[in-house]
């Protein structure tokens, strides 16, 4: 068998393994629905969900809601990434700044973003600012915590070598600390983006008239379970695409990192 045939076989096997579990679940879901074990009002069959998805896609309704939610997520995540990276690097490099901010971060970090909704309304009203603020809170802590941890995990041997060679502090930070912390920082950005996308549902609870979160909540009130499932699938698919983009960027930038992918 030629190497080209081997690669084709491996690719086909990978695709089958990648989608197998999802297809099995969908087939089982449809079969149980057809047999009457799952009531459509509770969980509509895949055929109905696909029909609703197709109708909402062709009408442009779904795209409009997705576009608005994506803009909100990118705004909140962008602010969280900039502030989280800046503060995380500063805290990771400065013991004084770490002592000053450590307690406050540990106290605020466990509070779920949805608990901030009343405060967000009081501070920013019911406009876009409050929604972006909730998304920002969800994304901020994964970014800052991973940035701090990445810097703190700098190999102690490299620190000692830099001292022996009398490497300047700025050069040590830019050529040793930050490159070593970058994989962990990228993990923080990936997690932060995923949390930001999950928080869009909570953010759009605040008097929203558009967005995927609003679509789900409005459909729930109208008992449109098929629209609810379409909204959930949309959140999952967009989240997967966002994560894949960040992962691709990570592989392009961090070329020195070797990844164990199992046996």
Protein backbone atom coordinates (compact mmCIF):
# COMPACT_ATOMS: atom_id res chain seq x y z
CA UNK A 1 0.00 0.00 0.00
CA UNK A 2 1.41 3.42 -0.98
CA UNK A 3 2.02 6.25 1.48
CA UNK A 4 -0.74 8.26 -0.24
CA UNK A 5 -3.23 5.46 0.34
CA UNK A 6 -2.13 5.20 3.97
CA UNK A 7 -2.70 8.92 4.51
CA UNK A 8 -6.11 8.72 2.85
CA UNK A 9 -7.05 5.74 5.05
CA UNK A 10 -5.86 7.51 8.20
CA UNK A 11 -7.80 10.65 7.27
CA UNK A 12 -10.97 8.65 6.64
CA UNK A 13 -10.56 6.79 9.94
CA UNK A 14 -10.05 10.10 11.78
CA UNK A 15 -13.21 11.60 10.26
CA UNK A 16 -15.24 8.50 11.16
CA UNK A 17 -13.97 8.50 14.75
CA UNK A 18 -14.49 12.27 15.05
CA UNK A 19 -18.17 12.20 14.06
CA UNK A 20 -19.15 8.66 15.12
CA UNK A 21 -20.40 9.40 18.64
CA UNK A 22 -22.36 12.46 17.51
CA UNK A 23 -24.06 10.52 14.70
CA UNK A 24 -24.91 7.64 17.03
CA UNK A 25 -26.53 10.04 19.51
CA UNK A 26 -28.53 11.78 16.76
CA UNK A 27 -29.76 8.47 15.32
CA UNK A 28 -30.72 7.23 18.79
CA UNK A 29 -32.48 10.53 19.51
CA UNK A 30 -34.50 10.29 16.29
CA UNK A 31 -35.35 6.63 16.89
CA UNK A 32 -36.54 7.24 20.46
CA UNK A 33 -38.63 10.18 19.23
CA UNK A 34 -40.23 8.08 16.49
CA UNK A 35 -41.06 5.34 19.01
CA UNK A 36 -42.74 7.86 21.31
CA UNK A 37 -40.27 7.59 24.18
CA UNK A 38 -39.36 11.29 23.87
CA UNK A 39 -42.20 13.80 23.73
CA UNK A 40 -41.72 16.56 21.09
CA UNK A 41 -42.77 19.29 23.54
CA UNK A 42 -39.89 18.25 25.81
CA UNK A 43 -37.27 17.49 23.16
CA UNK A 44 -38.22 17.74 19.47
CA UNK A 45 -36.79 15.14 17.07
CA UNK A 46 -33.70 15.98 15.00
CA UNK A 47 -35.78 16.11 11.81
CA UNK A 48 -37.90 18.92 13.24
CA UNK A 49 -34.85 20.74 14.61
CA UNK A 50 -33.16 20.57 11.20
CA UNK A 51 -36.29 21.89 9.50
CA UNK A 52 -36.44 24.80 11.94
CA UNK A 53 -32.72 25.44 11.51
CA UNK A 54 -33.10 25.50 7.73
CA UNK A 55 -36.05 27.88 7.88
CA UNK A 56 -34.29 30.28 10.27
CA UNK A 57 -31.11 30.16 8.16
CA UNK A 58 -32.77 30.82 4.82
CA UNK A 59 -34.84 33.67 6.26
CA UNK A 60 -31.72 35.36 7.62
CA UNK A 61 -33.17 35.45 11.14
CA UNK A 62 -30.51 33.20 12.65
CA UNK A 63 -27.65 35.09 11.00
CA UNK A 64 -28.92 38.38 12.42
CA UNK A 65 -29.04 37.03 15.97
CA UNK A 66 -25.63 35.37 15.59
CA UNK A 67 -24.04 38.57 14.29
CA UNK A 68 -25.29 40.63 17.23
CA UNK A 69 -24.15 38.06 19.80
CA UNK A 70 -20.73 37.67 18.18
CA UNK A 71 -20.17 41.44 18.26
CA UNK A 72 -21.07 41.53 21.96
CA UNK A 73 -18.75 38.62 22.72
CA UNK A 74 -15.84 40.09 20.79
CA UNK A 75 -16.25 43.45 22.55
CA UNK A 76 -16.37 41.91 26.01
CA UNK A 77 -13.61 39.41 25.29
CA UNK A 78 -11.40 42.04 23.66
CA UNK A 79 -11.52 44.25 26.74
CA UNK A 80 -10.99 41.25 29.02
CA UNK A 81 -8.00 40.05 26.98
CA UNK A 82 -6.27 43.43 26.94
CA UNK A 83 -6.83 44.15 30.62
CA UNK A 84 -6.24 40.55 31.73
CA UNK A 85 -2.95 40.28 29.84
CA UNK A 86 -1.68 43.65 31.06
CA UNK A 87 -2.57 43.05 34.70
CA UNK A 88 -1.54 39.39 34.58
CA UNK A 89 1.92 40.20 33.25
CA UNK A 90 2.31 43.00 35.79
CA UNK A 91 1.20 40.82 38.71
CA UNK A 92 3.30 37.89 37.54
CA UNK A 93 6.44 40.02 37.39
CA UNK A 94 5.86 42.16 40.50
CA UNK A 95 5.64 40.72 44.01
CA UNK A 96 4.34 44.05 45.31
CA UNK A 97 1.52 44.18 42.78
CA UNK A 98 0.73 40.54 43.53
CA UNK A 99 0.35 41.27 47.26
CA UNK A 100 -1.82 44.31 46.54
CA UNK A 101 -4.23 42.55 44.16
CA UNK A 102 -4.15 38.91 45.29
CA UNK A 103 -6.90 39.09 47.91
CA UNK A 104 -9.26 41.13 45.74
CA UNK A 105 -8.87 38.77 42.77
CA UNK A 106 -9.44 35.69 44.94
CA UNK A 107 -12.59 37.24 46.45
CA UNK A 108 -14.16 38.33 43.16
CA UNK A 109 -13.13 35.35 41.01
CA UNK A 110 -15.65 32.81 42.44
CA UNK A 111 -18.65 35.11 41.85
CA UNK A 112 -20.49 33.85 38.72
CA UNK A 113 -21.11 36.48 36.02
CA UNK A 114 -24.89 36.00 36.23
CA UNK A 115 -24.78 37.23 39.85
CA UNK A 116 -23.47 40.57 38.57
CA UNK A 117 -26.58 41.25 36.46
CA UNK A 118 -28.36 43.43 39.07
CA UNK A 119 -25.17 45.42 39.64
CA UNK A 120 -24.61 45.76 35.89
CA UNK A 121 -28.11 47.17 35.45
CA UNK A 122 -27.53 49.67 38.27
CA UNK A 123 -24.17 50.77 36.86
CA UNK A 124 -24.80 50.71 33.11
CA UNK A 125 -28.57 50.50 32.66
CA UNK A 126 -30.15 47.97 30.31
CA UNK A 127 -28.24 48.93 27.17
CA UNK A 128 -25.31 47.29 25.42
CA UNK A 129 -22.78 48.33 28.07
CA UNK A 130 -24.28 46.07 30.74
CA UNK A 131 -24.26 43.08 28.36
CA UNK A 132 -20.64 43.66 27.38
CA UNK A 133 -19.75 44.03 31.07
CA UNK A 134 -21.19 40.59 31.95
CA UNK A 135 -19.28 39.00 29.06
CA UNK A 136 -16.12 40.85 30.13
CA UNK A 137 -16.38 39.46 33.67
CA UNK A 138 -16.71 35.92 32.37
CA UNK A 139 -13.63 36.16 30.18
CA UNK A 140 -11.40 38.28 32.42
CA UNK A 141 -10.46 35.83 35.16
CA UNK A 142 -9.40 32.87 32.95
CA UNK A 143 -7.10 35.25 31.07
CA UNK A 144 -5.50 36.93 34.09
CA UNK A 145 -5.12 33.73 36.16
CA UNK A 146 -3.50 31.78 33.32
CA UNK A 147 -1.23 34.71 32.50
CA UNK A 148 -0.01 34.90 36.10
CA UNK A 149 0.43 31.12 36.32
CA UNK A 150 2.32 31.03 33.02
CA UNK A 151 4.82 33.62 34.22
CA UNK A 152 5.19 31.95 37.63
CA UNK A 153 6.01 28.63 35.94
CA UNK A 154 9.20 30.01 34.42
CA UNK A 155 11.96 27.42 34.84
CA UNK A 156 14.04 28.32 37.88
CA UNK A 157 17.19 27.08 36.12
CA UNK A 158 16.69 29.70 33.42
CA UNK A 159 16.37 32.37 36.09
CA UNK A 160 19.68 31.30 37.65
CA UNK A 161 21.43 31.18 34.27
CA UNK A 162 20.17 34.69 33.46
CA UNK A 163 21.54 35.96 36.77
CA UNK A 164 24.92 34.32 36.19
CA UNK A 165 25.15 35.78 32.69
CA UNK A 166 23.93 39.15 34.01
CA UNK A 167 21.17 39.35 31.42
CA UNK A 168 19.24 42.61 31.59
CA UNK A 169 15.79 42.48 33.20
CA UNK A 170 13.97 43.65 30.07
CA UNK A 171 15.77 41.13 27.88
CA UNK A 172 15.07 38.35 30.37
CA UNK A 173 11.36 39.18 30.40
CA UNK A 174 10.97 39.43 26.63
CA UNK A 175 13.20 36.51 25.62
CA UNK A 176 12.73 34.03 28.47
CA UNK A 177 9.69 34.72 30.67
CA UNK A 178 7.04 35.69 28.13
CA UNK A 179 7.93 33.05 25.49
CA UNK A 180 7.87 30.39 28.20
CA UNK A 181 4.53 31.62 29.53
CA UNK A 182 2.93 32.00 26.11
CA UNK A 183 1.41 28.48 25.89
CA UNK A 184 -0.35 28.97 29.23
CA UNK A 185 -1.41 32.47 28.20
CA UNK A 186 -2.95 31.09 25.01
CA UNK A 187 -4.82 28.49 27.08
CA UNK A 188 -6.22 31.34 29.17
CA UNK A 189 -7.35 33.16 26.04
CA UNK A 190 -9.05 30.01 24.72
CA UNK A 191 -10.85 29.40 28.00
CA UNK A 192 -11.73 33.08 28.31
CA UNK A 193 -13.25 33.16 24.84
CA UNK A 194 -15.32 30.05 25.57
CA UNK A 195 -16.59 31.47 28.85
CA UNK A 196 -17.37 34.77 27.13
CA UNK A 197 -19.46 32.95 24.54
CA UNK A 198 -21.29 31.02 27.27
CA UNK A 199 -21.94 34.26 29.16
CA UNK A 200 -23.71 35.78 26.16
CA UNK A 201 -26.89 33.95 27.21
CA UNK A 202 -26.73 35.48 30.70
CA UNK A 203 -25.84 38.88 29.25
CA UNK A 204 -28.82 38.84 26.89
CA UNK A 205 -31.17 38.29 29.80
CA UNK A 206 -30.81 42.05 30.37
CA UNK A 207 -33.72 43.48 28.36
CA UNK A 208 -32.29 42.23 25.07
CA UNK A 209 -34.31 42.24 21.87
CA UNK A 210 -31.80 40.33 19.77
CA UNK A 211 -28.98 37.82 20.01
CA UNK A 212 -28.80 34.05 20.38
CA UNK A 213 -29.42 34.24 24.13
CA UNK A 214 -32.53 36.33 23.55
CA UNK A 215 -33.65 33.87 20.87
CA UNK A 216 -33.44 30.98 23.35
CA UNK A 217 -35.20 32.81 26.17
CA UNK A 218 -37.97 34.11 23.91
CA UNK A 219 -38.54 30.64 22.44
CA UNK A 220 -38.67 29.13 25.94
CA UNK A 221 -41.42 31.53 26.95
CA UNK A 222 -43.37 30.59 23.81
CA UNK A 223 -42.74 26.84 24.36
CA UNK A 224 -40.90 26.60 21.02
CA UNK A 225 -38.59 23.78 22.02
CA UNK A 226 -37.27 23.35 18.48
CA UNK A 227 -36.08 26.98 18.39
CA UNK A 228 -34.49 26.52 21.83
CA UNK A 229 -32.52 23.52 20.56
CA UNK A 230 -31.50 25.44 17.42
CA UNK A 231 -30.18 28.24 19.64
CA UNK A 232 -28.25 25.78 21.78
CA UNK A 233 -26.75 24.10 18.71
CA UNK A 234 -25.80 27.52 17.34
CA UNK A 235 -23.98 28.42 20.55
CA UNK A 236 -22.10 25.11 20.43
CA UNK A 237 -21.11 25.43 16.76
CA UNK A 238 -19.98 29.07 17.02
CA UNK A 239 -18.09 28.26 20.21
CA UNK A 240 -16.34 25.37 18.47
CA UNK A 241 -15.38 27.59 15.53
CA UNK A 242 -13.99 30.27 17.85
CA UNK A 243 -11.97 27.71 19.80
CA UNK A 244 -10.62 26.20 16.57
CA UNK A 245 -9.47 29.62 15.38
CA UNK A 246 -7.63 30.29 18.64
CA UNK A 247 -6.13 26.78 18.55
CA UNK A 248 -4.94 27.31 14.95
CA UNK A 249 -3.38 30.63 15.92
CA UNK A 250 -1.66 28.96 18.86
CA UNK A 251 -0.14 26.28 16.62
CA UNK A 252 1.09 28.89 14.13
CA UNK A 253 2.65 31.10 16.80
CA UNK A 254 3.98 28.54 19.30
CA UNK A 255 6.01 26.42 16.91
CA UNK A 256 8.38 25.15 19.61
CA UNK A 257 5.67 23.50 21.71
CA UNK A 258 5.33 19.72 21.33
CA UNK A 259 1.88 18.32 22.15
CA UNK A 260 1.12 14.79 23.33
CA UNK A 261 -2.00 13.61 21.50
CA UNK A 262 -2.42 10.18 23.08
CA UNK A 263 -1.30 6.69 22.14
